[in-house]
Amino acid sequence: MNITQTVAINKKSYIARMVPVMLCFFAMGFVDLVGTASNYVQKDLGLTDSQANLFPSLVFFWFLIFSVPTGMLMNKIGRKKTVLISLIVTAVSLFIPAFGDSYAVMLISFSLLGIGNAIMQTSLNPLVSNLISGDKLASTLTFGQFVKAIASFLAPIIAAWGATTMMPTFGLGWRALFVIYAVISFLSISLLAATPIDEEKPDKATGIVECLRLLGKPFIFLCFLGIVCHVGIDVGTNTTAPKIIMERLGLPLEEAGFATSVYFIFRTAGCFLGAFILRSMSPKLFFAISVVMMLAGMGILFVCDTLAPLYVGIGLIGFGNSNIFSVVFSQALMYTPNERNEVSGLMIMGLFGGTVFPLAMGYAADAIGQAGAVAVMTIGVIYLMYYTLKIRKI
């Protein structure tokens, strides 16, 4: 066998292993359907904003509970098996709404979706390191986030399509989104299970005590709060953008839901471009520009009541928030290079911000309208402005 044939075989083997992994990243993006789905449930059941915002809050609550135990589970059974467990839980959560959309049913579905995604977010990135190493790892993970974002911005489009075309035929309506994503989840399970992946020996087990004690380090605590604010703004915009348009323009949810896609389109573009921009621009400067974009977007959402400017504001928030996580996460890892496992678990726990912000936004919106929800997110942006001053040279 000559060198050319060997290279061709290795390339084919690489693609065969990476396709199932990238499909898993696509499945990771299913968690972002919670914003779209909660709006439809609110409409169907006549819920208040605070009641409807319980759904995204419940999804991200489980990151607080499952992130560290998942790290310990990976050390025991391996990363691939842990990812498979996350996909199974995700698939089950997505099939449940096919049998009804009562408040209790949706609470169970979103809880399982949150548990599955918490396990997946903690285990999938380390699994990629078993396939890719060196300078190609970062770009592969960035591409994975790009694939994940595709699932995020497709969700409101599929839901609107189901709501307008499938109800007479299948009786699912917007819940067709769940069934379609459930089928993709089972496809991901089948492909990943059939893909051989060699894993290195497990890392030293990480405990909850090792993670929490790092909060005593001021900079790590600032990073943790940065993740909380980033995810809170992300989930908050995902959930609230359509509500702002419905409140101010009177559009139906099927049309207003496109605002969520606008957010994810710009967030996807930001993830893609950020990988190149950060090669030539300091993280501190890029972070500052990103935060200013979000602040401008919040200002637009406060004062504008026409569609085009509102889309601009949502797009600014999406692009600005797209690389916040990566900068904060890398800052935390570099600050304590000998405790990266513990720091990783702690930063993933920060995704709990997706619980805190929507709850506060729901009560604020019930009190004074969607401007109250925007005000809560603006508090998170102001904190990120403060965090910008603390960013260190890497």
Protein backbone atom coordinates (compact mmCIF):
# COMPACT_ATOMS: atom_id res chain seq x y z
CA MET A 1 0.00 0.00 0.00
CA ASN A 2 1.50 3.32 -1.04
CA ILE A 3 1.48 6.60 0.90
CA THR A 4 -1.39 8.06 -1.13
CA GLN A 5 -3.62 5.08 -0.34
CA THR A 6 -2.72 5.27 3.34
CA VAL A 7 -3.59 8.96 3.51
CA ALA A 8 -6.91 8.31 1.75
CA ILE A 9 -7.81 5.54 4.21
CA ASN A 10 -6.86 7.69 7.21
CA LYS A 11 -8.94 10.56 5.87
CA LYS A 12 -11.92 8.28 5.32
CA SER A 13 -11.55 6.90 8.84
CA TYR A 14 -11.33 10.43 10.27
CA ILE A 15 -14.53 11.52 8.50
CA ALA A 16 -16.33 8.33 9.58
CA ARG A 17 -15.55 9.14 13.23
CA MET A 18 -16.20 12.88 13.06
CA VAL A 19 -19.64 12.73 11.39
CA PRO A 20 -21.30 11.02 14.40
CA VAL A 21 -19.55 13.43 16.78
CA MET A 22 -20.73 16.48 14.83
CA LEU A 23 -24.25 15.05 14.79
CA CYS A 24 -23.96 14.92 18.59
CA PHE A 25 -23.09 18.63 18.57
CA PHE A 26 -26.23 19.18 16.52
CA ALA A 27 -28.18 17.29 19.19
CA MET A 28 -26.55 19.48 21.85
CA GLY A 29 -28.29 22.44 20.21
CA PHE A 30 -31.72 20.92 20.89
CA VAL A 31 -31.70 22.53 24.33
CA ASP A 32 -32.19 25.93 22.70
CA LEU A 33 -35.65 24.93 21.46
CA VAL A 34 -36.83 25.65 25.01
CA GLY A 35 -37.31 29.35 24.25
CA THR A 36 -39.47 28.68 21.20
CA ALA A 37 -41.39 25.83 22.83
CA SER A 38 -42.13 27.76 26.03
CA ASN A 39 -43.73 30.53 23.97
CA TYR A 40 -46.02 28.04 22.21
CA VAL A 41 -46.92 26.35 25.51
CA GLN A 42 -47.68 29.76 26.99
CA LYS A 43 -50.00 30.49 24.08
CA ASP A 44 -51.73 27.08 24.20
CA LEU A 45 -52.25 27.02 27.97
CA GLY A 46 -52.76 30.75 28.60
CA LEU A 47 -49.82 31.04 31.01
CA THR A 48 -48.33 34.20 32.49
CA ASP A 49 -44.73 35.14 31.66
CA SER A 50 -43.52 33.96 35.06
CA GLN A 51 -45.24 30.58 34.58
CA ALA A 52 -43.92 30.16 31.04
CA ASN A 53 -40.37 31.18 31.97
CA LEU A 54 -40.29 28.33 34.47
CA PHE A 55 -39.61 26.01 31.52
CA PRO A 56 -36.20 27.43 30.47
CA SER A 57 -35.35 27.93 34.13
CA LEU A 58 -36.07 24.28 34.83
CA VAL A 59 -33.94 23.14 31.88
CA PHE A 60 -30.83 24.97 33.07
CA PHE A 61 -31.37 24.17 36.74
CA TRP A 62 -30.02 20.70 36.10
CA PHE A 63 -26.60 22.04 35.11
CA LEU A 64 -26.14 22.96 38.76
CA ILE A 65 -26.88 19.39 39.81
CA PHE A 66 -25.34 17.19 37.09
CA SER A 67 -22.16 18.87 35.83
CA VAL A 68 -19.75 17.61 38.50
CA PRO A 69 -21.35 14.13 38.88
CA THR A 70 -21.05 13.73 35.10
CA GLY A 71 -17.31 14.29 35.34
CA MET A 72 -17.12 11.53 37.92
CA LEU A 73 -19.29 9.27 35.74
CA MET A 74 -16.94 9.76 32.78
CA ASN A 75 -14.03 8.62 34.92
CA LYS A 76 -15.94 5.44 35.73
CA ILE A 77 -17.56 4.36 32.45
CA GLY A 78 -15.78 6.47 29.81
CA ARG A 79 -16.70 9.50 27.73
CA LYS A 80 -18.40 7.75 24.82
CA LYS A 81 -20.79 5.82 27.05
CA THR A 82 -21.56 9.00 28.97
CA VAL A 83 -22.43 10.84 25.74
CA LEU A 84 -24.64 7.93 24.69
CA ILE A 85 -26.52 8.15 28.00
CA SER A 86 -27.04 11.87 27.41
CA LEU A 87 -28.43 11.21 23.92
CA ILE A 88 -30.84 8.56 25.22
CA VAL A 89 -32.17 10.91 27.91
CA THR A 90 -32.49 13.67 25.29
CA ALA A 91 -34.38 11.42 22.86
CA VAL A 92 -36.84 10.33 25.57
CA SER A 93 -37.43 13.95 26.60
CA LEU A 94 -38.26 14.90 23.01
CA PHE A 95 -40.73 12.08 22.43
CA ILE A 96 -42.80 12.86 25.54
CA PRO A 97 -44.61 15.94 24.06
CA ALA A 98 -45.90 13.79 21.19
CA PHE A 99 -48.40 12.39 23.70
CA GLY A 100 -49.68 15.74 24.96
CA ASP A 101 -48.74 19.28 25.91
CA SER A 102 -50.21 19.72 29.38
CA TYR A 103 -48.26 21.77 31.88
CA ALA A 104 -47.12 18.65 33.79
CA VAL A 105 -46.08 16.81 30.61
CA MET A 106 -44.00 19.75 29.41
CA LEU A 107 -42.36 20.13 32.83
CA ILE A 108 -41.26 16.49 32.68
CA SER A 109 -40.06 16.86 29.09
CA PHE A 110 -38.03 20.00 29.78
CA SER A 111 -36.55 18.49 32.96
CA LEU A 112 -35.26 15.46 31.06
CA LEU A 113 -34.05 17.70 28.24
CA GLY A 114 -32.05 19.72 30.76
CA ILE A 115 -30.58 16.62 32.40
CA GLY A 116 -29.58 15.14 29.05
CA ASN A 117 -28.00 18.37 27.88
CA ALA A 118 -26.12 18.90 31.14
CA ILE A 119 -24.57 15.44 30.74
CA MET A 120 -23.85 16.08 27.06
CA GLN A 121 -22.25 19.50 27.52
CA THR A 122 -19.92 18.08 30.16
CA SER A 123 -18.89 14.94 28.25
CA LEU A 124 -18.93 15.69 24.51
CA ASN A 125 -16.07 18.20 24.36
CA PRO A 126 -13.68 15.86 26.24
CA LEU A 127 -14.72 13.05 23.87
CA VAL A 128 -13.56 15.14 20.91
CA SER A 129 -10.10 15.32 22.48
CA ASN A 130 -9.86 11.56 21.97
CA LEU A 131 -10.18 12.09 18.23
CA ILE A 132 -8.37 15.39 17.73
CA SER A 133 -5.30 16.73 19.46
CA GLY A 134 -2.87 19.60 19.25
CA ASP A 135 -3.63 22.79 17.35
CA LYS A 136 -6.60 21.24 15.53
CA LEU A 137 -8.63 20.68 18.71
CA ALA A 138 -9.71 24.30 19.20
CA SER A 139 -10.85 24.70 15.60
CA THR A 140 -12.76 21.39 15.77
CA LEU A 141 -14.57 22.46 18.94
CA THR A 142 -15.38 25.81 17.34
CA PHE A 143 -16.85 24.03 14.33
CA GLY A 144 -18.85 21.86 16.72
CA GLN A 145 -20.35 25.00 18.26
CA PHE A 146 -21.19 26.18 14.75
CA VAL A 147 -23.05 22.91 14.08
CA LYS A 148 -24.81 23.22 17.44
CA ALA A 149 -26.00 26.71 16.53
CA ILE A 150 -27.60 25.40 13.33
CA ALA A 151 -29.98 23.28 15.42
CA SER A 152 -30.72 26.33 17.56
CA PHE A 153 -31.83 28.67 14.79
CA LEU A 154 -33.73 25.93 12.91
CA ALA A 155 -35.96 25.25 15.93
CA PRO A 156 -38.33 28.24 15.59
CA ILE A 157 -38.56 27.73 11.83
CA ILE A 158 -39.54 24.06 12.21
CA ALA A 159 -42.01 24.91 15.00
CA ALA A 160 -43.70 27.58 12.89
CA TRP A 161 -43.86 25.19 9.93
CA GLY A 162 -45.45 22.53 12.11
CA ALA A 163 -47.92 25.00 13.60
CA THR A 164 -49.13 26.16 10.18
CA THR A 165 -48.99 23.01 8.05
CA MET A 166 -49.06 19.84 10.15
CA MET A 167 -51.90 20.33 12.62
CA PRO A 168 -54.68 19.10 10.29
CA THR A 169 -52.70 16.01 9.26
CA PHE A 170 -50.88 14.72 12.30
CA GLY A 171 -52.36 16.63 15.20
CA LEU A 172 -48.90 17.63 16.41
CA GLY A 173 -48.68 21.23 15.29
CA TRP A 174 -45.58 22.97 16.63
CA ARG A 175 -44.75 19.83 18.65
CA ALA A 176 -43.58 18.24 15.39
CA LEU A 177 -40.31 20.00 16.28
CA PHE A 178 -39.85 17.61 19.20
CA VAL A 179 -40.54 14.50 17.12
CA ILE A 180 -38.15 15.54 14.34
CA TYR A 181 -35.36 16.26 16.83
CA ALA A 182 -36.10 13.01 18.68
CA VAL A 183 -35.58 11.03 15.46
CA ILE A 184 -32.26 12.82 14.92
CA SER A 185 -31.29 11.96 18.50
CA PHE A 186 -31.87 8.26 17.86
CA LEU A 187 -29.83 8.54 14.66
CA SER A 188 -27.01 10.10 16.68
CA ILE A 189 -27.18 7.23 19.18
CA SER A 190 -26.95 4.63 16.43
CA LEU A 191 -24.01 6.26 14.63
CA LEU A 192 -22.00 7.04 17.77
CA ALA A 193 -22.55 3.56 19.22
CA ALA A 194 -21.19 2.03 16.01
CA THR A 195 -18.12 4.30 15.96
CA PRO A 196 -14.97 2.89 17.61
CA ILE A 197 -13.23 5.51 19.74
CA ASP A 198 -10.09 4.81 21.75
CA GLU A 199 -10.13 6.60 25.10
CA GLU A 200 -7.18 7.27 27.32
CA LYS A 201 -7.17 6.34 31.00
CA PRO A 202 -9.64 8.41 33.02
CA ASP A 203 -8.54 11.55 34.76
CA LYS A 204 -8.47 11.85 38.52
CA ALA A 205 -12.02 12.03 39.80
CA THR A 206 -13.32 15.52 40.49
CA GLY A 207 -15.52 16.14 43.52
CA ILE A 208 -17.96 18.87 44.39
CA VAL A 209 -15.71 20.12 47.18
CA GLU A 210 -12.75 20.63 44.83
CA CYS A 211 -14.95 22.68 42.51
CA LEU A 212 -16.66 24.86 45.08
CA ARG A 213 -13.50 25.77 46.95
CA LEU A 214 -12.24 27.50 43.80
CA LEU A 215 -14.97 30.09 44.25
CA GLY A 216 -12.83 31.41 47.08
CA LYS A 217 -10.40 32.71 44.46
CA PRO A 218 -11.70 36.17 43.47
CA PHE A 219 -10.90 35.91 39.75
CA ILE A 220 -12.48 32.45 39.43
CA PHE A 221 -15.58 33.79 41.16
CA LEU A 222 -15.71 36.67 38.65
CA CYS A 223 -15.42 34.16 35.79
CA PHE A 224 -18.19 32.04 37.28
CA LEU A 225 -20.50 35.07 37.44
CA GLY A 226 -19.49 35.92 33.87
CA ILE A 227 -20.72 32.52 32.69
CA VAL A 228 -23.94 32.97 34.68
CA CYS A 229 -24.59 36.32 32.97
CA HIS A 230 -23.66 35.04 29.50
CA VAL A 231 -26.08 32.10 29.68
CA GLY A 232 -28.77 34.22 31.32
CA ILE A 233 -28.62 36.73 28.46
CA ASP A 234 -28.54 33.90 25.90
CA VAL A 235 -31.59 32.09 27.25
CA GLY A 236 -33.32 35.36 28.08
CA THR A 237 -33.03 36.74 24.55
CA ASN A 238 -34.03 33.39 23.06
CA THR A 239 -37.20 33.43 25.15
CA THR A 240 -38.09 37.12 25.24
CA ALA A 241 -37.35 38.37 21.69
CA PRO A 242 -40.60 36.99 20.20
CA LYS A 243 -42.59 38.33 23.16
CA ILE A 244 -41.24 41.85 22.59
CA ILE A 245 -42.35 41.75 18.97
CA MET A 246 -45.79 40.37 19.86
CA GLU A 247 -46.24 43.02 22.57
CA ARG A 248 -45.21 45.99 20.42
CA LEU A 249 -46.28 44.99 16.91
CA GLY A 250 -49.16 42.62 17.61
CA LEU A 251 -47.76 39.87 15.37
CA PRO A 252 -48.78 36.23 15.96
CA LEU A 253 -46.27 33.90 17.55
CA GLU A 254 -45.70 32.00 14.28
CA GLU A 255 -44.29 35.22 12.76
CA ALA A 256 -42.74 36.71 15.89
CA GLY A 257 -40.87 33.45 16.52
CA PHE A 258 -38.50 34.31 13.68
CA ALA A 259 -36.85 36.75 16.11
CA THR A 260 -35.31 33.74 17.83
CA SER A 261 -33.85 32.60 14.52
CA VAL A 262 -32.41 36.10 13.99
CA TYR A 263 -30.67 35.83 17.34
CA PHE A 264 -29.19 32.43 16.57
CA ILE A 265 -28.18 33.35 13.02
CA PHE A 266 -26.07 36.21 14.36
CA ARG A 267 -24.77 34.12 17.23
CA THR A 268 -23.76 31.43 14.74
CA ALA A 269 -21.98 34.01 12.56
CA GLY A 270 -20.26 35.38 15.65
CA CYS A 271 -18.99 31.93 16.65
CA PHE A 272 -17.61 31.35 13.16
CA LEU A 273 -15.95 34.76 12.78
CA GLY A 274 -14.75 34.89 16.38
CA ALA A 275 -12.42 31.94 15.82
CA PHE A 276 -10.55 34.04 13.24
CA ILE A 277 -10.84 37.45 14.92
CA LEU A 278 -9.34 36.19 18.18
CA ARG A 279 -6.20 35.13 16.31
CA SER A 280 -5.32 38.75 15.56
CA MET A 281 -7.11 40.71 18.29
CA SER A 282 -6.57 40.58 22.04
CA PRO A 283 -9.33 38.80 23.99
CA LYS A 284 -9.82 41.89 26.16
CA LEU A 285 -10.46 44.21 23.20
CA PHE A 286 -12.71 41.73 21.42
CA PHE A 287 -14.62 41.10 24.65
CA ALA A 288 -15.10 44.84 25.17
CA ILE A 289 -16.42 45.29 21.62
CA SER A 290 -18.79 42.35 22.12
CA VAL A 291 -20.17 43.79 25.36
CA VAL A 292 -20.69 47.22 23.78
CA MET A 293 -22.65 45.54 20.98
CA MET A 294 -24.88 43.82 23.53
CA LEU A 295 -25.42 47.05 25.45
CA ALA A 296 -26.43 48.82 22.21
CA GLY A 297 -28.79 45.95 21.42
CA MET A 298 -30.44 46.21 24.84
CA GLY A 299 -30.90 49.94 24.31
CA ILE A 300 -32.67 49.29 21.01
CA LEU A 301 -34.99 46.72 22.63
CA PHE A 302 -35.89 49.29 25.28
CA VAL A 303 -36.95 52.11 22.96
CA CYS A 304 -37.87 50.77 19.50
CA ASP A 305 -41.30 49.59 18.39
CA THR A 306 -40.79 48.80 14.70
CA LEU A 307 -39.65 45.47 13.31
CA ALA A 308 -36.38 46.29 11.51
CA PRO A 309 -34.70 48.09 14.45
CA LEU A 310 -35.82 45.34 16.82
CA TYR A 311 -34.18 42.75 14.56
CA VAL A 312 -31.01 44.89 14.56
CA GLY A 313 -31.02 44.96 18.36
CA ILE A 314 -31.56 41.21 18.60
CA GLY A 315 -28.78 40.63 16.04
CA LEU A 316 -26.36 42.83 18.00
CA ILE A 317 -27.04 40.85 21.16
CA GLY A 318 -26.61 37.55 19.30
CA PHE A 319 -23.29 38.53 17.72
CA GLY A 320 -22.01 40.17 20.89
CA ASN A 321 -22.86 37.21 23.11
CA SER A 322 -21.44 34.58 20.74
CA ASN A 323 -17.86 34.50 22.08
CA ILE A 324 -18.34 35.56 25.70
CA PHE A 325 -18.30 31.97 26.95
CA SER A 326 -15.08 31.01 25.17
CA VAL A 327 -13.17 34.06 26.46
CA VAL A 328 -14.37 33.68 30.06
CA PHE A 329 -13.79 29.91 30.01
CA SER A 330 -10.25 30.24 28.67
CA GLN A 331 -9.47 32.97 31.20
CA ALA A 332 -10.52 30.67 34.04
CA LEU A 333 -8.52 27.72 32.71
CA MET A 334 -5.36 29.76 32.24
CA TYR A 335 -5.64 31.26 35.72
CA THR A 336 -5.42 27.81 37.36
CA PRO A 337 -3.70 25.53 34.81
CA ASN A 338 -3.16 22.75 37.39
CA GLU A 339 -6.86 22.54 38.28
CA ARG A 340 -8.48 22.51 34.86
CA ASN A 341 -10.85 19.62 35.60
CA GLU A 342 -12.22 21.39 38.65
CA VAL A 343 -12.46 24.73 36.83
CA SER A 344 -14.25 23.12 33.88
CA GLY A 345 -16.86 21.57 36.16
CA LEU A 346 -17.37 24.86 37.95
CA MET A 347 -17.77 26.86 34.75
CA ILE A 348 -20.33 24.37 33.42
CA MET A 349 -22.22 24.80 36.69
CA GLY A 350 -22.39 28.48 35.76
CA LEU A 351 -24.89 27.53 33.05
CA PHE A 352 -27.30 27.66 35.98
CA GLY A 353 -27.63 31.30 34.92
CA GLY A 354 -30.17 29.99 32.43
CA THR A 355 -32.39 29.31 35.44
CA VAL A 356 -31.90 32.53 37.40
CA PHE A 357 -32.37 35.06 34.61
CA PRO A 358 -35.61 33.75 33.01
CA LEU A 359 -37.29 33.50 36.41
CA ALA A 360 -36.40 37.10 37.26
CA MET A 361 -37.33 38.24 33.75
CA GLY A 362 -40.73 36.53 33.98
CA TYR A 363 -41.67 38.35 37.17
CA ALA A 364 -40.35 41.65 35.80
CA ALA A 365 -42.36 41.21 32.59
CA ASP A 366 -45.53 40.39 34.52
CA ALA A 367 -45.04 43.60 36.50
CA ILE A 368 -44.16 46.17 33.82
CA GLY A 369 -44.12 44.41 30.44
CA GLN A 370 -41.23 43.07 28.35
CA ALA A 371 -39.15 46.17 29.11
CA GLY A 372 -38.77 44.69 32.59
CA ALA A 373 -37.30 41.50 31.12
CA VAL A 374 -34.85 43.57 29.06
CA ALA A 375 -33.85 45.47 32.21
CA VAL A 376 -32.92 42.20 33.93
CA MET A 377 -30.71 41.19 30.99
CA THR A 378 -29.11 44.63 30.96
CA ILE A 379 -27.92 44.06 34.52
CA GLY A 380 -26.01 41.04 33.18
CA VAL A 381 -24.48 43.15 30.40
CA ILE A 382 -23.37 45.78 32.91
CA TYR A 383 -21.63 43.07 34.94
CA LEU A 384 -19.82 41.88 31.81
CA MET A 385 -18.63 45.45 31.25
CA TYR A 386 -17.10 45.31 34.72
CA TYR A 387 -15.58 41.90 34.00
CA THR A 388 -13.90 43.35 30.89
CA LEU A 389 -11.65 45.39 33.18
CA LYS A 390 -10.48 42.19 34.91
CA ILE A 391 -9.52 40.20 31.81
CA ARG A 392 -5.89 39.12 31.91
CA LYS A 393 -3.33 38.69 29.14
CA ILE A 394 -3.10 35.05 28.05
